[in-house]
PDB file of N, CA and C in Angstrom:
ATOM      1  N   MET A   1       0.854  -1.173   0.000  1.00  0.00           N
ATOM      2  CA  MET A   1       0.000   0.000   0.000  1.00  0.00           C
ATOM      3  C   MET A   1       0.900   1.238   0.000  1.00  0.00           C
ATOM      4  N   SER A   2       0.559   2.206  -0.838  1.00  0.00           N
ATOM      5  CA  SER A   2       1.391   3.405  -0.954  1.00  0.00           C
ATOM      6  C   SER A   2       1.228   4.303   0.270  1.00  0.00           C
ATOM      7  N   ALA A   3       2.183   5.171   0.460  1.00  0.00           N
ATOM      8  CA  ALA A   3       2.131   6.103   1.580  1.00  0.00           C
ATOM      9  C   ALA A   3       0.907   7.012   1.468  1.00  0.00           C
ATOM     10  N   PHE A   4       0.559   7.394   0.235  1.00  0.00           N
ATOM     11  CA  PHE A   4      -0.613   8.247   0.032  1.00  0.00           C
ATOM     12  C   PHE A   4      -1.883   7.540   0.482  1.00  0.00           C
ATOM     13  N   ALA A   5      -2.018   6.256   0.145  1.00  0.00           N
ATOM     14  CA  ALA A   5      -3.206   5.493   0.521  1.00  0.00           C
ATOM     15  C   ALA A   5      -3.303   5.342   2.040  1.00  0.00           C
ATOM     16  N   ILE A   6      -2.194   5.089   2.690  1.00  0.00           N
ATOM     17  CA  ILE A   6      -2.188   4.974   4.150  1.00  0.00           C
ATOM     18  C   ILE A   6      -2.584   6.309   4.786  1.00  0.00           C
ATOM     19  N   TYR A   7      -2.066   7.395   4.240  1.00  0.00           N
ATOM     20  CA  TYR A   7      -2.404   8.732   4.732  1.00  0.00           C
ATOM     21  C   TYR A   7      -3.909   8.977   4.590  1.00  0.00           C
ATOM     22  N   MET A   8      -4.484   8.574   3.449  1.00  0.00           N
ATOM     23  CA  MET A   8      -5.908   8.805   3.207  1.00  0.00           C
ATOM     24  C   MET A   8      -6.783   7.947   4.134  1.00  0.00           C
ATOM     25  N   VAL A   9      -6.353   6.715   4.405  1.00  0.00           N
ATOM     26  CA  VAL A   9      -7.101   5.861   5.338  1.00  0.00           C
ATOM     27  C   VAL A   9      -7.107   6.503   6.725  1.00  0.00           C
ATOM     28  N   GLY A  10      -5.963   6.999   7.155  1.00  0.00           N
ATOM     29  CA  GLY A  10      -5.900   7.683   8.443  1.00  0.00           C
ATOM     30  C   GLY A  10      -6.767   8.927   8.475  1.00  0.00           C
ATOM     31  N   LEU A  11      -6.811   9.642   7.376  1.00  0.00           N
ATOM     32  CA  LEU A  11      -7.635  10.841   7.295  1.00  0.00           C
ATOM     33  C   LEU A  11      -9.119  10.499   7.393  1.00  0.00           C
ATOM     34  N   VAL A  12      -9.528   9.427   6.735  1.00  0.00           N
ATOM     35  CA  VAL A  12     -10.932   8.999   6.801  1.00  0.00           C
ATOM     36  C   VAL A  12     -11.302   8.618   8.235  1.00  0.00           C
ATOM     37  N   VAL A  13     -10.421   7.921   8.924  1.00  0.00           N
ATOM     38  CA  VAL A  13     -10.674   7.550  10.322  1.00  0.00           C
ATOM     39  C   VAL A  13     -10.774   8.808  11.196  1.00  0.00           C
ATOM     40  N   LEU A  14      -9.866   9.765  10.977  1.00  0.00           N
ATOM     41  CA  LEU A  14      -9.896  11.021  11.729  1.00  0.00           C
ATOM     42  C   LEU A  14     -11.200  11.772  11.496  1.00  0.00           C
ATOM     43  N   ILE A  15     -11.595  11.910  10.242  1.00  0.00           N
ATOM     44  CA  ILE A  15     -12.832  12.634   9.932  1.00  0.00           C
ATOM     45  C   ILE A  15     -14.031  11.908  10.533  1.00  0.00           C
ATOM     46  N   GLY A  16     -14.043  10.590  10.452  1.00  0.00           N
ATOM     47  CA  GLY A  16     -15.142   9.826  11.044  1.00  0.00           C
ATOM     48  C   GLY A  16     -15.259  10.066  12.542  1.00  0.00           C
ATOM     49  N   GLY A  17     -14.125  10.076  13.234  1.00  0.00           N
ATOM     50  CA  GLY A  17     -14.146  10.331  14.672  1.00  0.00           C
ATOM     51  C   GLY A  17     -14.611  11.737  15.001  1.00  0.00           C
ATOM     52  N   LEU A  18     -14.154  12.712  14.223  1.00  0.00           N
ATOM     53  CA  LEU A  18     -14.576  14.097  14.462  1.00  0.00           C
ATOM     54  C   LEU A  18     -16.066  14.294  14.191  1.00  0.00           C
ATOM     55  N   VAL A  19     -16.559  13.684  13.120  1.00  0.00           N
ATOM     56  CA  VAL A  19     -17.984  13.790  12.798  1.00  0.00           C
ATOM     57  C   VAL A  19     -18.827  13.127  13.885  1.00  0.00           C
ATOM     58  N   TYR A  20     -18.418  11.969  14.331  1.00  0.00           N
ATOM     59  CA  TYR A  20     -19.159  11.263  15.383  1.00  0.00           C
ATOM     60  C   TYR A  20     -19.166  12.080  16.685  1.00  0.00           C
ATOM     61  N   GLY A  21     -18.013  12.615  17.041  1.00  0.00           N
ATOM     62  CA  GLY A  21     -17.941  13.429  18.254  1.00  0.00           C
ATOM     63  C   GLY A  21     -18.776  14.688  18.157  1.00  0.00           C
ATOM     64  N   ALA A  22     -18.754  15.339  16.995  1.00  0.00           N
ATOM     65  CA  ALA A  22     -19.565  16.543  16.817  1.00  0.00           C
ATOM     66  C   ALA A  22     -21.054  16.206  16.880  1.00  0.00           C
ATOM     67  N   HIS A  23     -21.428  15.058  16.328  1.00  0.00           N
ATOM     68  CA  HIS A  23     -22.825  14.630  16.387  1.00  0.00           C
ATOM     69  C   HIS A  23     -23.258  14.376  17.836  1.00  0.00           C
ATOM     70  N   LEU A  24     -22.409  13.699  18.586  1.00  0.00           N
ATOM     71  CA  LEU A  24     -22.731  13.441  19.992  1.00  0.00           C
ATOM     72  C   LEU A  24     -22.803  14.728  20.808  1.00  0.00           C
ATOM     73  N   ALA A  25     -22.011  15.723  20.414  1.00  0.00           N
ATOM     74  CA  ALA A  25     -22.012  17.001  21.119  1.00  0.00           C
ATOM     75  C   ALA A  25     -23.206  17.870  20.740  1.00  0.00           C
ATOM     76  N   GLY A  26     -23.950  17.452  19.723  1.00  0.00           N
ATOM     77  CA  GLY A  26     -25.148  18.180  19.340  1.00  0.00           C
ATOM     78  C   GLY A  26     -24.913  19.298  18.336  1.00  0.00           C
ATOM     79  N   ALA A  27     -23.813  19.231  17.617  1.00  0.00           N
ATOM     80  CA  ALA A  27     -23.536  20.255  16.607  1.00  0.00           C
ATOM     81  C   ALA A  27     -24.527  20.100  15.449  1.00  0.00           C
ATOM     82  N   PRO A  28     -24.926  21.222  14.843  1.00  0.00           N
ATOM     83  CA  PRO A  28     -25.833  21.134  13.684  1.00  0.00           C
ATOM     84  C   PRO A  28     -25.185  20.386  12.513  1.00  0.00           C
ATOM     85  N   THR A  29     -25.999  19.622  11.805  1.00  0.00           N
ATOM     86  CA  THR A  29     -25.496  18.798  10.705  1.00  0.00           C
ATOM     87  C   THR A  29     -24.781  19.627   9.647  1.00  0.00           C
ATOM     88  N   THR A  30     -25.297  20.803   9.359  1.00  0.00           N
ATOM     89  CA  THR A  30     -24.667  21.663   8.350  1.00  0.00           C
ATOM     90  C   THR A  30     -23.216  21.959   8.711  1.00  0.00           C
ATOM     91  N   TRP A  31     -22.967  22.287   9.965  1.00  0.00           N
ATOM     92  CA  TRP A  31     -21.606  22.625  10.388  1.00  0.00           C
ATOM     93  C   TRP A  31     -20.712  21.401  10.460  1.00  0.00           C
ATOM     94  N   ILE A  32     -21.301  20.242  10.754  1.00  0.00           N
ATOM     95  CA  ILE A  32     -20.514  19.001  10.735  1.00  0.00           C
ATOM     96  C   ILE A  32     -20.030  18.728   9.316  1.00  0.00           C
ATOM     97  N   ILE A  33     -20.910  18.896   8.327  1.00  0.00           N
ATOM     98  CA  ILE A  33     -20.535  18.667   6.933  1.00  0.00           C
ATOM     99  C   ILE A  33     -19.479  19.673   6.488  1.00  0.00           C
ATOM    100  N   VAL A  34     -19.669  20.946   6.843  1.00  0.00           N
ATOM    101  CA  VAL A  34     -18.691  21.972   6.478  1.00  0.00           C
ATOM    102  C   VAL A  34     -17.324  21.645   7.075  1.00  0.00           C
ATOM    103  N   GLY A  35     -17.288  21.272   8.332  1.00  0.00           N
ATOM    104  CA  GLY A  35     -16.026  20.913   8.983  1.00  0.00           C
ATOM    105  C   GLY A  35     -15.366  19.711   8.340  1.00  0.00           C
ATOM    106  N   ALA A  36     -16.174  18.711   7.999  1.00  0.00           N
ATOM    107  CA  ALA A  36     -15.628  17.501   7.360  1.00  0.00           C
ATOM    108  C   ALA A  36     -15.025  17.827   5.996  1.00  0.00           C
ATOM    109  N   ILE A  37     -15.680  18.695   5.235  1.00  0.00           N
ATOM    110  CA  ILE A  37     -15.155  19.080   3.923  1.00  0.00           C
ATOM    111  C   ILE A  37     -13.842  19.844   4.067  1.00  0.00           C
ATOM    112  N   ILE A  38     -13.771  20.738   5.034  1.00  0.00           N
ATOM    113  CA  ILE A  38     -12.548  21.510   5.253  1.00  0.00           C
ATOM    114  C   ILE A  38     -11.398  20.597   5.664  1.00  0.00           C
ATOM    115  N   VAL A  39     -11.649  19.685   6.597  1.00  0.00           N
ATOM    116  CA  VAL A  39     -10.599  18.770   7.047  1.00  0.00           C
ATOM    117  C   VAL A  39     -10.172  17.844   5.908  1.00  0.00           C
ATOM    118  N   ALA A  40     -11.126  17.380   5.098  1.00  0.00           N
ATOM    119  CA  ALA A  40     -10.794  16.514   3.970  1.00  0.00           C
ATOM    120  C   ALA A  40      -9.918  17.254   2.956  1.00  0.00           C
ATOM    121  N   GLY A  41     -10.254  18.506   2.672  1.00  0.00           N
ATOM    122  CA  GLY A  41      -9.448  19.284   1.735  1.00  0.00           C
ATOM    123  C   GLY A  41      -8.043  19.531   2.244  1.00  0.00           C
ATOM    124  N   ALA A  42      -7.945  19.913   3.501  1.00  0.00           N
ATOM    125  CA  ALA A  42      -6.623  20.148   4.092  1.00  0.00           C
ATOM    126  C   ALA A  42      -5.808  18.856   4.140  1.00  0.00           C
ATOM    127  N   GLY A  43      -6.449  17.761   4.466  1.00  0.00           N
ATOM    128  CA  GLY A  43      -5.755  16.478   4.509  1.00  0.00           C
ATOM    129  C   GLY A  43      -5.285  16.022   3.140  1.00  0.00           C
ATOM    130  N   LEU A  44      -6.108  16.248   2.121  1.00  0.00           N
ATOM    131  CA  LEU A  44      -5.717  15.875   0.764  1.00  0.00           C
ATOM    132  C   LEU A  44      -4.514  16.689   0.301  1.00  0.00           C
ATOM    133  N   LEU A  45      -4.525  17.981   0.574  1.00  0.00           N
ATOM    134  CA  LEU A  45      -3.381  18.818   0.212  1.00  0.00           C
ATOM    135  C   LEU A  45      -2.116  18.382   0.950  1.00  0.00           C
ATOM    136  N   THR A  46      -2.245  18.100   2.225  1.00  0.00           N
ATOM    137  CA  THR A  46      -1.096  17.669   3.015  1.00  0.00           C
ATOM    138  C   THR A  46      -0.569  16.322   2.539  1.00  0.00           C
ATOM    139  N   ALA A  47      -1.476  15.396   2.255  1.00  0.00           N
ATOM    140  CA  ALA A  47      -1.057  14.074   1.781  1.00  0.00           C
ATOM    141  C   ALA A  47      -0.324  14.173   0.450  1.00  0.00           C
ATOM    142  N   ALA A  48      -0.846  14.990  -0.443  1.00  0.00           N
ATOM    143  CA  ALA A  48      -0.200  15.137  -1.754  1.00  0.00           C
ATOM    144  C   ALA A  48       1.178  15.769  -1.611  1.00  0.00           C
ATOM    145  N   THR A  49       1.307  16.733  -0.722  1.00  0.00           N
ATOM    146  CA  THR A  49       2.585  17.410  -0.527  1.00  0.00           C
ATOM    147  C   THR A  49       3.615  16.488   0.119  1.00  0.00           C
ATOM    148  N   ARG A  50       3.212  15.758   1.134  1.00  0.00           N
ATOM    149  CA  ARG A  50       4.166  14.923   1.873  1.00  0.00           C
ATOM    150  C   ARG A  50       4.564  13.651   1.161  1.00  0.00           C
ATOM    151  N   THR A  51       3.723  13.165   0.258  1.00  0.00           N
ATOM    152  CA  THR A  51       4.036  11.903  -0.411  1.00  0.00           C
ATOM    153  C   THR A  51       4.497  12.119  -1.843  1.00  0.00           C
ATOM    154  N   ARG A  52       4.678  13.357  -2.253  1.00  0.00           N
ATOM    155  CA  ARG A  52       5.108  13.668  -3.617  1.00  0.00           C
ATOM    156  C   ARG A  52       6.520  13.156  -3.849  1.00  0.00           C
ATOM    157  N   GLN A  53       6.740  12.577  -5.021  1.00  0.00           N
ATOM    158  CA  GLN A  53       8.069  12.101  -5.381  1.00  0.00           C
ATOM    159  C   GLN A  53       8.956  13.293  -5.704  1.00  0.00           C
ATOM    160  N   LYS A  54      10.146  13.279  -5.203  1.00  0.00           N
ATOM    161  CA  LYS A  54      11.098  14.345  -5.499  1.00  0.00           C
ATOM    162  C   LYS A  54      11.642  14.157  -6.906  1.00  0.00           C
ATOM    163  N   ASP A  55      11.896  15.264  -7.584  1.00  0.00           N
ATOM    164  CA  ASP A  55      12.468  15.195  -8.925  1.00  0.00           C
ATOM    165  C   ASP A  55      13.908  14.712  -8.842  1.00  0.00           C
ATOM    166  N   PRO A  56      14.306  13.795  -9.755  1.00  0.00           N
ATOM    167  CA  PRO A  56      15.698  13.312  -9.721  1.00  0.00           C
ATOM    168  C   PRO A  56      16.659  14.433 -10.129  1.00  0.00           C
ATOM    169  N   PRO A  57      17.850  14.438  -9.571  1.00  0.00           N
ATOM    170  CA  PRO A  57      18.817  15.479  -9.934  1.00  0.00           C
ATOM    171  C   PRO A  57      19.247  15.327 -11.391  1.00  0.00           C
ATOM    172  N   GLU A  58      19.436  16.452 -12.043  1.00  0.00           N
ATOM    173  CA  GLU A  58      19.874  16.421 -13.447  1.00  0.00           C
ATOM    174  C   GLU A  58      21.386  16.272 -13.497  1.00  0.00           C
ATOM    175  N   GLY A  59      21.833  15.646 -14.553  1.00  0.00           N
ATOM    176  CA  GLY A  59      23.271  15.589 -14.726  1.00  0.00           C
ATOM    177  C   GLY A  59      23.793  14.253 -14.758  1.00  0.00           C
TER     178      GLY A  59
END
């Protein structure tokens, strides 16, 4: 499994836990969805940046 896939699995688990906790705390569904989208976007950007292959040196 690639590092990107492992990162995404961890992100899904994190978002699931945050959504469940927000639901138990009584947060409105609209704000739970907004928060989940923001965390998913930030996680996707971070995963792409951290797992990007470095360009080989020229020469």
